[in-house]
């Protein structure tokens, strides 16, 4: 598939960390995870019930992210 060519090793390690829950409640515009959000591999949900912490998100792997991760790490 063409997804294999446009995913770097660092993005694969980020996908693994998102899968393991290491990027819970973290948000940064320059974060590499934000690049994965833009590619559609990771989705982010704003934390509910924290009005003063509007820039905090919960990152979760999307289906395309799971597929790409499985291609690299069977």
PDB file of N, CA and C in Angstrom:
ATOM      1  N   UNK A   1       0.837  -1.187   0.000  1.00  0.00           N
ATOM      2  CA  UNK A   1       0.000   0.000   0.000  1.00  0.00           C
ATOM      3  C   UNK A   1       0.878   1.245   0.000  1.00  0.00           C
ATOM      4  N   UNK A   2       0.325   2.365  -0.421  1.00  0.00           N
ATOM      5  CA  UNK A   2       1.095   3.594  -0.484  1.00  0.00           C
ATOM      6  C   UNK A   2       1.342   4.189   0.891  1.00  0.00           C
ATOM      7  N   UNK A   3       0.582   3.782   1.909  1.00  0.00           N
ATOM      8  CA  UNK A   3       0.772   4.313   3.255  1.00  0.00           C
ATOM      9  C   UNK A   3       2.148   3.976   3.802  1.00  0.00           C
ATOM     10  N   UNK A   4       2.714   2.870   3.382  1.00  0.00           N
ATOM     11  CA  UNK A   4       4.011   2.446   3.911  1.00  0.00           C
ATOM     12  C   UNK A   4       5.116   3.427   3.544  1.00  0.00           C
ATOM     13  N   UNK A   5       5.044   4.067   2.397  1.00  0.00           N
ATOM     14  CA  UNK A   5       6.107   4.954   1.970  1.00  0.00           C
ATOM     15  C   UNK A   5       6.085   6.297   2.697  1.00  0.00           C
ATOM     16  N   UNK A   6       4.941   6.783   3.110  1.00  0.00           N
ATOM     17  CA  UNK A   6       4.886   8.124   3.682  1.00  0.00           C
ATOM     18  C   UNK A   6       4.841   8.143   5.206  1.00  0.00           C
ATOM     19  N   UNK A   7       5.241   7.071   5.853  1.00  0.00           N
ATOM     20  CA  UNK A   7       5.296   7.017   7.312  1.00  0.00           C
ATOM     21  C   UNK A   7       6.742   6.751   7.723  1.00  0.00           C
ATOM     22  N   UNK A   8       7.284   7.640   8.560  1.00  0.00           N
ATOM     23  CA  UNK A   8       8.669   7.498   9.000  1.00  0.00           C
ATOM     24  C   UNK A   8       8.753   6.621  10.245  1.00  0.00           C
ATOM     25  N   UNK A   9       9.970   6.235  10.590  1.00  0.00           N
ATOM     26  CA  UNK A   9      10.184   5.428  11.797  1.00  0.00           C
ATOM     27  C   UNK A   9       9.756   6.179  13.050  1.00  0.00           C
ATOM     28  N   UNK A  10      10.019   7.492  13.092  1.00  0.00           N
ATOM     29  CA  UNK A  10       9.623   8.263  14.271  1.00  0.00           C
ATOM     30  C   UNK A  10       8.109   8.346  14.383  1.00  0.00           C
ATOM     31  N   UNK A  11       7.420   8.407  13.239  1.00  0.00           N
ATOM     32  CA  UNK A  11       5.955   8.406  13.278  1.00  0.00           C
ATOM     33  C   UNK A  11       5.421   7.056  13.751  1.00  0.00           C
ATOM     34  N   UNK A  12       6.085   5.974  13.367  1.00  0.00           N
ATOM     35  CA  UNK A  12       5.679   4.649  13.839  1.00  0.00           C
ATOM     36  C   UNK A  12       5.851   4.557  15.347  1.00  0.00           C
ATOM     37  N   UNK A  13       6.961   5.078  15.866  1.00  0.00           N
ATOM     38  CA  UNK A  13       7.147   5.040  17.320  1.00  0.00           C
ATOM     39  C   UNK A  13       6.125   5.919  18.022  1.00  0.00           C
ATOM     40  N   UNK A  14       5.735   7.032  17.409  1.00  0.00           N
ATOM     41  CA  UNK A  14       4.676   7.875  17.984  1.00  0.00           C
ATOM     42  C   UNK A  14       3.340   7.139  17.979  1.00  0.00           C
ATOM     43  N   UNK A  15       3.050   6.422  16.900  1.00  0.00           N
ATOM     44  CA  UNK A  15       1.810   5.643  16.849  1.00  0.00           C
ATOM     45  C   UNK A  15       1.790   4.596  17.954  1.00  0.00           C
ATOM     46  N   UNK A  16       2.935   3.968  18.201  1.00  0.00           N
ATOM     47  CA  UNK A  16       3.002   2.981  19.283  1.00  0.00           C
ATOM     48  C   UNK A  16       2.773   3.640  20.638  1.00  0.00           C
ATOM     49  N   UNK A  17       3.330   4.837  20.833  1.00  0.00           N
ATOM     50  CA  UNK A  17       3.149   5.520  22.111  1.00  0.00           C
ATOM     51  C   UNK A  17       1.706   5.976  22.296  1.00  0.00           C
ATOM     52  N   UNK A  18       1.055   6.397  21.218  1.00  0.00           N
ATOM     53  CA  UNK A  18      -0.360   6.764  21.313  1.00  0.00           C
ATOM     54  C   UNK A  18      -1.180   5.528  21.662  1.00  0.00           C
ATOM     55  N   UNK A  19      -0.864   4.403  21.015  1.00  0.00           N
ATOM     56  CA  UNK A  19      -1.583   3.161  21.298  1.00  0.00           C
ATOM     57  C   UNK A  19      -1.422   2.751  22.757  1.00  0.00           C
ATOM     58  N   UNK A  20      -0.244   2.970  23.306  1.00  0.00           N
ATOM     59  CA  UNK A  20       0.023   2.600  24.694  1.00  0.00           C
ATOM     60  C   UNK A  20      -0.460   3.635  25.703  1.00  0.00           C
ATOM     61  N   UNK A  21      -1.006   4.747  25.224  1.00  0.00           N
ATOM     62  CA  UNK A  21      -1.548   5.758  26.128  1.00  0.00           C
ATOM     63  C   UNK A  21      -0.538   6.754  26.646  1.00  0.00           C
ATOM     64  N   UNK A  22       0.619   6.866  26.013  1.00  0.00           N
ATOM     65  CA  UNK A  22       1.653   7.774  26.500  1.00  0.00           C
ATOM     66  C   UNK A  22       1.393   9.231  26.138  1.00  0.00           C
ATOM     67  N   UNK A  23       0.477   9.511  25.232  1.00  0.00           N
ATOM     68  CA  UNK A  23       0.193  10.884  24.841  1.00  0.00           C
ATOM     69  C   UNK A  23      -1.150  11.350  25.376  1.00  0.00           C
ATOM     70  N   UNK A  24      -1.566  10.799  26.478  1.00  0.00           N
ATOM     71  CA  UNK A  24      -2.824  11.199  27.092  1.00  0.00           C
ATOM     72  C   UNK A  24      -2.680  12.608  27.669  1.00  0.00           C
ATOM     73  N   UNK A  25      -3.630  13.469  27.374  1.00  0.00           N
ATOM     74  CA  UNK A  25      -3.715  14.814  27.944  1.00  0.00           C
ATOM     75  C   UNK A  25      -2.536  15.708  27.569  1.00  0.00           C
ATOM     76  N   UNK A  26      -1.986  15.540  26.391  1.00  0.00           N
ATOM     77  CA  UNK A  26      -0.871  16.366  25.943  1.00  0.00           C
ATOM     78  C   UNK A  26      -1.286  17.060  24.654  1.00  0.00           C
ATOM     79  N   UNK A  27      -0.972  18.334  24.535  1.00  0.00           N
ATOM     80  CA  UNK A  27      -1.278  19.044  23.299  1.00  0.00           C
ATOM     81  C   UNK A  27      -0.196  20.073  23.016  1.00  0.00           C
ATOM     82  N   UNK A  28       0.241  20.115  21.782  1.00  0.00           N
ATOM     83  CA  UNK A  28       1.207  21.106  21.355  1.00  0.00           C
ATOM     84  C   UNK A  28       1.124  21.209  19.841  1.00  0.00           C
ATOM     85  N   UNK A  29       1.127  22.422  19.344  1.00  0.00           N
ATOM     86  CA  UNK A  29       1.007  22.621  17.901  1.00  0.00           C
ATOM     87  C   UNK A  29       2.216  22.069  17.152  1.00  0.00           C
ATOM     88  N   UNK A  30       3.368  22.027  17.783  1.00  0.00           N
ATOM     89  CA  UNK A  30       4.565  21.522  17.116  1.00  0.00           C
ATOM     90  C   UNK A  30       4.807  20.048  17.433  1.00  0.00           C
ATOM     91  N   UNK A  31       3.885  19.445  18.113  1.00  0.00           N
ATOM     92  CA  UNK A  31       4.011  18.046  18.510  1.00  0.00           C
ATOM     93  C   UNK A  31       3.952  17.147  17.279  1.00  0.00           C
ATOM     94  N   UNK A  32       4.772  16.108  17.247  1.00  0.00           N
ATOM     95  CA  UNK A  32       4.749  15.185  16.112  1.00  0.00           C
ATOM     96  C   UNK A  32       3.419  14.449  16.022  1.00  0.00           C
ATOM     97  N   UNK A  33       2.741  14.312  17.144  1.00  0.00           N
ATOM     98  CA  UNK A  33       1.434  13.660  17.136  1.00  0.00           C
ATOM     99  C   UNK A  33       0.430  14.497  16.352  1.00  0.00           C
ATOM    100  N   UNK A  34       0.581  15.815  16.372  1.00  0.00           N
ATOM    101  CA  UNK A  34      -0.309  16.676  15.596  1.00  0.00           C
ATOM    102  C   UNK A  34      -0.159  16.409  14.100  1.00  0.00           C
ATOM    103  N   UNK A  35       1.034  16.046  13.665  1.00  0.00           N
ATOM    104  CA  UNK A  35       1.244  15.667  12.267  1.00  0.00           C
ATOM    105  C   UNK A  35       0.458  14.407  11.942  1.00  0.00           C
ATOM    106  N   UNK A  36       0.449  13.463  12.878  1.00  0.00           N
ATOM    107  CA  UNK A  36      -0.310  12.231  12.676  1.00  0.00           C
ATOM    108  C   UNK A  36      -1.811  12.506  12.690  1.00  0.00           C
ATOM    109  N   UNK A  37      -2.238  13.501  13.461  1.00  0.00           N
ATOM    110  CA  UNK A  37      -3.649  13.905  13.446  1.00  0.00           C
ATOM    111  C   UNK A  37      -3.998  14.459  12.069  1.00  0.00           C
ATOM    112  N   UNK A  38      -3.105  15.287  11.510  1.00  0.00           N
ATOM    113  CA  UNK A  38      -3.343  15.869  10.187  1.00  0.00           C
ATOM    114  C   UNK A  38      -3.385  14.804   9.095  1.00  0.00           C
ATOM    115  N   UNK A  39      -2.606  13.734   9.253  1.00  0.00           N
ATOM    116  CA  UNK A  39      -2.614  12.645   8.274  1.00  0.00           C
ATOM    117  C   UNK A  39      -3.802  11.710   8.455  1.00  0.00           C
ATOM    118  N   UNK A  40      -4.505  11.815   9.587  1.00  0.00           N
ATOM    119  CA  UNK A  40      -5.668  10.973   9.826  1.00  0.00           C
ATOM    120  C   UNK A  40      -5.372   9.684  10.567  1.00  0.00           C
ATOM    121  N   UNK A  41      -4.141   9.503  11.038  1.00  0.00           N
ATOM    122  CA  UNK A  41      -3.776   8.282  11.749  1.00  0.00           C
ATOM    123  C   UNK A  41      -4.163   8.320  13.224  1.00  0.00           C
ATOM    124  N   UNK A  42      -4.304   9.523  13.773  1.00  0.00           N
ATOM    125  CA  UNK A  42      -4.635   9.706  15.182  1.00  0.00           C
ATOM    126  C   UNK A  42      -5.775  10.707  15.268  1.00  0.00           C
ATOM    127  N   UNK A  43      -6.712  10.458  16.164  1.00  0.00           N
ATOM    128  CA  UNK A  43      -7.772  11.434  16.406  1.00  0.00           C
ATOM    129  C   UNK A  43      -7.596  11.997  17.804  1.00  0.00           C
ATOM    130  N   UNK A  44      -8.063  13.227  17.996  1.00  0.00           N
ATOM    131  CA  UNK A  44      -7.939  13.833  19.315  1.00  0.00           C
ATOM    132  C   UNK A  44      -9.296  14.348  19.755  1.00  0.00           C
ATOM    133  N   UNK A  45      -9.528  14.227  21.053  1.00  0.00           N
ATOM    134  CA  UNK A  45     -10.793  14.642  21.648  1.00  0.00           C
ATOM    135  C   UNK A  45     -10.451  15.565  22.806  1.00  0.00           C
ATOM    136  N   UNK A  46     -11.082  16.731  22.834  1.00  0.00           N
ATOM    137  CA  UNK A  46     -10.849  17.652  23.943  1.00  0.00           C
ATOM    138  C   UNK A  46     -11.397  17.045  25.222  1.00  0.00           C
ATOM    139  N   UNK A  47     -10.660  17.234  26.298  1.00  0.00           N
ATOM    140  CA  UNK A  47     -11.112  16.720  27.586  1.00  0.00           C
ATOM    141  C   UNK A  47     -12.337  17.499  28.047  1.00  0.00           C
ATOM    142  N   UNK A  48     -13.346  16.794  28.482  1.00  0.00           N
ATOM    143  CA  UNK A  48     -14.598  17.404  28.919  1.00  0.00           C
ATOM    144  C   UNK A  48     -14.517  17.655  30.416  1.00  0.00           C
ATOM    145  N   UNK A  49     -15.116  18.758  30.856  1.00  0.00           N
ATOM    146  CA  UNK A  49     -15.156  19.051  32.285  1.00  0.00           C
ATOM    147  C   UNK A  49     -13.957  19.812  32.789  1.00  0.00           C
ATOM    148  N   UNK A  50     -13.114  20.278  31.888  1.00  0.00           N
ATOM    149  CA  UNK A  50     -11.949  21.060  32.287  1.00  0.00           C
ATOM    150  C   UNK A  50     -11.927  22.361  31.488  1.00  0.00           C
ATOM    151  N   UNK A  51     -12.783  23.323  31.836  1.00  0.00           N
ATOM    152  CA  UNK A  51     -12.886  24.540  31.025  1.00  0.00           C
ATOM    153  C   UNK A  51     -11.614  25.384  31.023  1.00  0.00           C
ATOM    154  N   UNK A  52     -10.816  25.318  32.063  1.00  0.00           N
ATOM    155  CA  UNK A  52      -9.584  26.104  32.104  1.00  0.00           C
ATOM    156  C   UNK A  52      -8.448  25.436  31.347  1.00  0.00           C
ATOM    157  N   UNK A  53      -8.633  24.205  30.956  1.00  0.00           N
ATOM    158  CA  UNK A  53      -7.597  23.454  30.247  1.00  0.00           C
ATOM    159  C   UNK A  53      -8.092  23.105  28.847  1.00  0.00           C
ATOM    160  N   UNK A  54      -8.401  24.113  28.069  1.00  0.00           N
ATOM    161  CA  UNK A  54      -9.007  23.887  26.760  1.00  0.00           C
ATOM    162  C   UNK A  54      -8.033  23.300  25.750  1.00  0.00           C
ATOM    163  N   UNK A  55      -6.744  23.375  26.014  1.00  0.00           N
ATOM    164  CA  UNK A  55      -5.780  22.874  25.041  1.00  0.00           C
ATOM    165  C   UNK A  55      -5.300  21.470  25.371  1.00  0.00           C
ATOM    166  N   UNK A  56      -5.993  20.779  26.228  1.00  0.00           N
ATOM    167  CA  UNK A  56      -5.599  19.413  26.576  1.00  0.00           C
ATOM    168  C   UNK A  56      -6.519  18.419  25.878  1.00  0.00           C
ATOM    169  N   UNK A  57      -5.921  17.403  25.286  1.00  0.00           N
ATOM    170  CA  UNK A  57      -6.657  16.450  24.478  1.00  0.00           C
ATOM    171  C   UNK A  57      -6.319  15.025  24.889  1.00  0.00           C
ATOM    172  N   UNK A  58      -7.184  14.142  24.486  1.00  0.00           N
ATOM    173  CA  UNK A  58      -6.941  12.712  24.614  1.00  0.00           C
ATOM    174  C   UNK A  58      -6.704  12.198  23.200  1.00  0.00           C
ATOM    175  N   UNK A  59      -5.526  11.652  22.939  1.00  0.00           N
ATOM    176  CA  UNK A  59      -5.185  11.147  21.611  1.00  0.00           C
ATOM    177  C   UNK A  59      -5.489   9.659  21.522  1.00  0.00           C
ATOM    178  N   UNK A  60      -6.123   9.254  20.411  1.00  0.00           N
ATOM    179  CA  UNK A  60      -6.523   7.865  20.202  1.00  0.00           C
ATOM    180  C   UNK A  60      -6.182   7.486  18.766  1.00  0.00           C
ATOM    181  N   UNK A  61      -5.709   6.265  18.569  1.00  0.00           N
ATOM    182  CA  UNK A  61      -5.435   5.793  17.206  1.00  0.00           C
ATOM    183  C   UNK A  61      -6.726   5.661  16.425  1.00  0.00           C
ATOM    184  N   UNK A  62      -6.700   6.101  15.172  1.00  0.00           N
ATOM    185  CA  UNK A  62      -7.841   5.889  14.294  1.00  0.00           C
ATOM    186  C   UNK A  62      -7.628   4.575  13.539  1.00  0.00           C
ATOM    187  N   UNK A  63      -8.613   4.183  12.771  1.00  0.00           N
ATOM    188  CA  UNK A  63      -8.511   2.927  12.020  1.00  0.00           C
ATOM    189  C   UNK A  63      -7.338   2.961  11.035  1.00  0.00           C
ATOM    190  N   UNK A  64      -7.149   4.044  10.254  1.00  0.00           N
ATOM    191  CA  UNK A  64      -5.971   4.063   9.375  1.00  0.00           C
ATOM    192  C   UNK A  64      -4.654   3.975  10.149  1.00  0.00           C
ATOM    193  N   UNK A  65      -4.602   4.574  11.336  1.00  0.00           N
ATOM    194  CA  UNK A  65      -3.399   4.482  12.160  1.00  0.00           C
ATOM    195  C   UNK A  65      -3.135   3.069  12.622  1.00  0.00           C
ATOM    196  N   UNK A  66      -4.191   2.364  12.992  1.00  0.00           N
ATOM    197  CA  UNK A  66      -4.041   0.964  13.386  1.00  0.00           C
ATOM    198  C   UNK A  66      -3.555   0.106  12.223  1.00  0.00           C
ATOM    199  N   UNK A  67      -4.078   0.384  11.031  1.00  0.00           N
ATOM    200  CA  UNK A  67      -3.676  -0.381   9.846  1.00  0.00           C
ATOM    201  C   UNK A  67      -2.200  -0.148   9.536  1.00  0.00           C
ATOM    202  N   UNK A  68      -1.771   1.117   9.565  1.00  0.00           N
ATOM    203  CA  UNK A  68      -0.368   1.433   9.281  1.00  0.00           C
ATOM    204  C   UNK A  68       0.538   0.818  10.333  1.00  0.00           C
ATOM    205  N   UNK A  69       0.144   0.908  11.593  1.00  0.00           N
ATOM    206  CA  UNK A  69       0.954   0.334  12.669  1.00  0.00           C
ATOM    207  C   UNK A  69       1.058  -1.179  12.528  1.00  0.00           C
ATOM    208  N   UNK A  70      -0.008  -1.803  12.122  1.00  0.00           N
ATOM    209  CA  UNK A  70       0.000  -3.261  11.948  1.00  0.00           C
ATOM    210  C   UNK A  70       0.870  -3.664  10.755  1.00  0.00           C
ATOM    211  N   UNK A  71       0.933  -2.825   9.724  1.00  0.00           N
ATOM    212  CA  UNK A  71       1.797  -3.124   8.578  1.00  0.00           C
ATOM    213  C   UNK A  71       3.265  -3.115   8.980  1.00  0.00           C
ATOM    214  N   UNK A  72       3.623  -2.209   9.873  1.00  0.00           N
ATOM    215  CA  UNK A  72       5.020  -2.100  10.288  1.00  0.00           C
ATOM    216  C   UNK A  72       5.365  -3.011  11.444  1.00  0.00           C
ATOM    217  N   UNK A  73       4.427  -3.221  12.364  1.00  0.00           N
ATOM    218  CA  UNK A  73       4.663  -4.026  13.560  1.00  0.00           C
ATOM    219  C   UNK A  73       3.618  -5.136  13.636  1.00  0.00           C
ATOM    220  N   UNK A  74       3.811  -6.233  12.897  1.00  0.00           N
ATOM    221  CA  UNK A  74       2.793  -7.299  12.891  1.00  0.00           C
ATOM    222  C   UNK A  74       2.695  -8.025  14.227  1.00  0.00           C
TER     223      UNK A  74
END
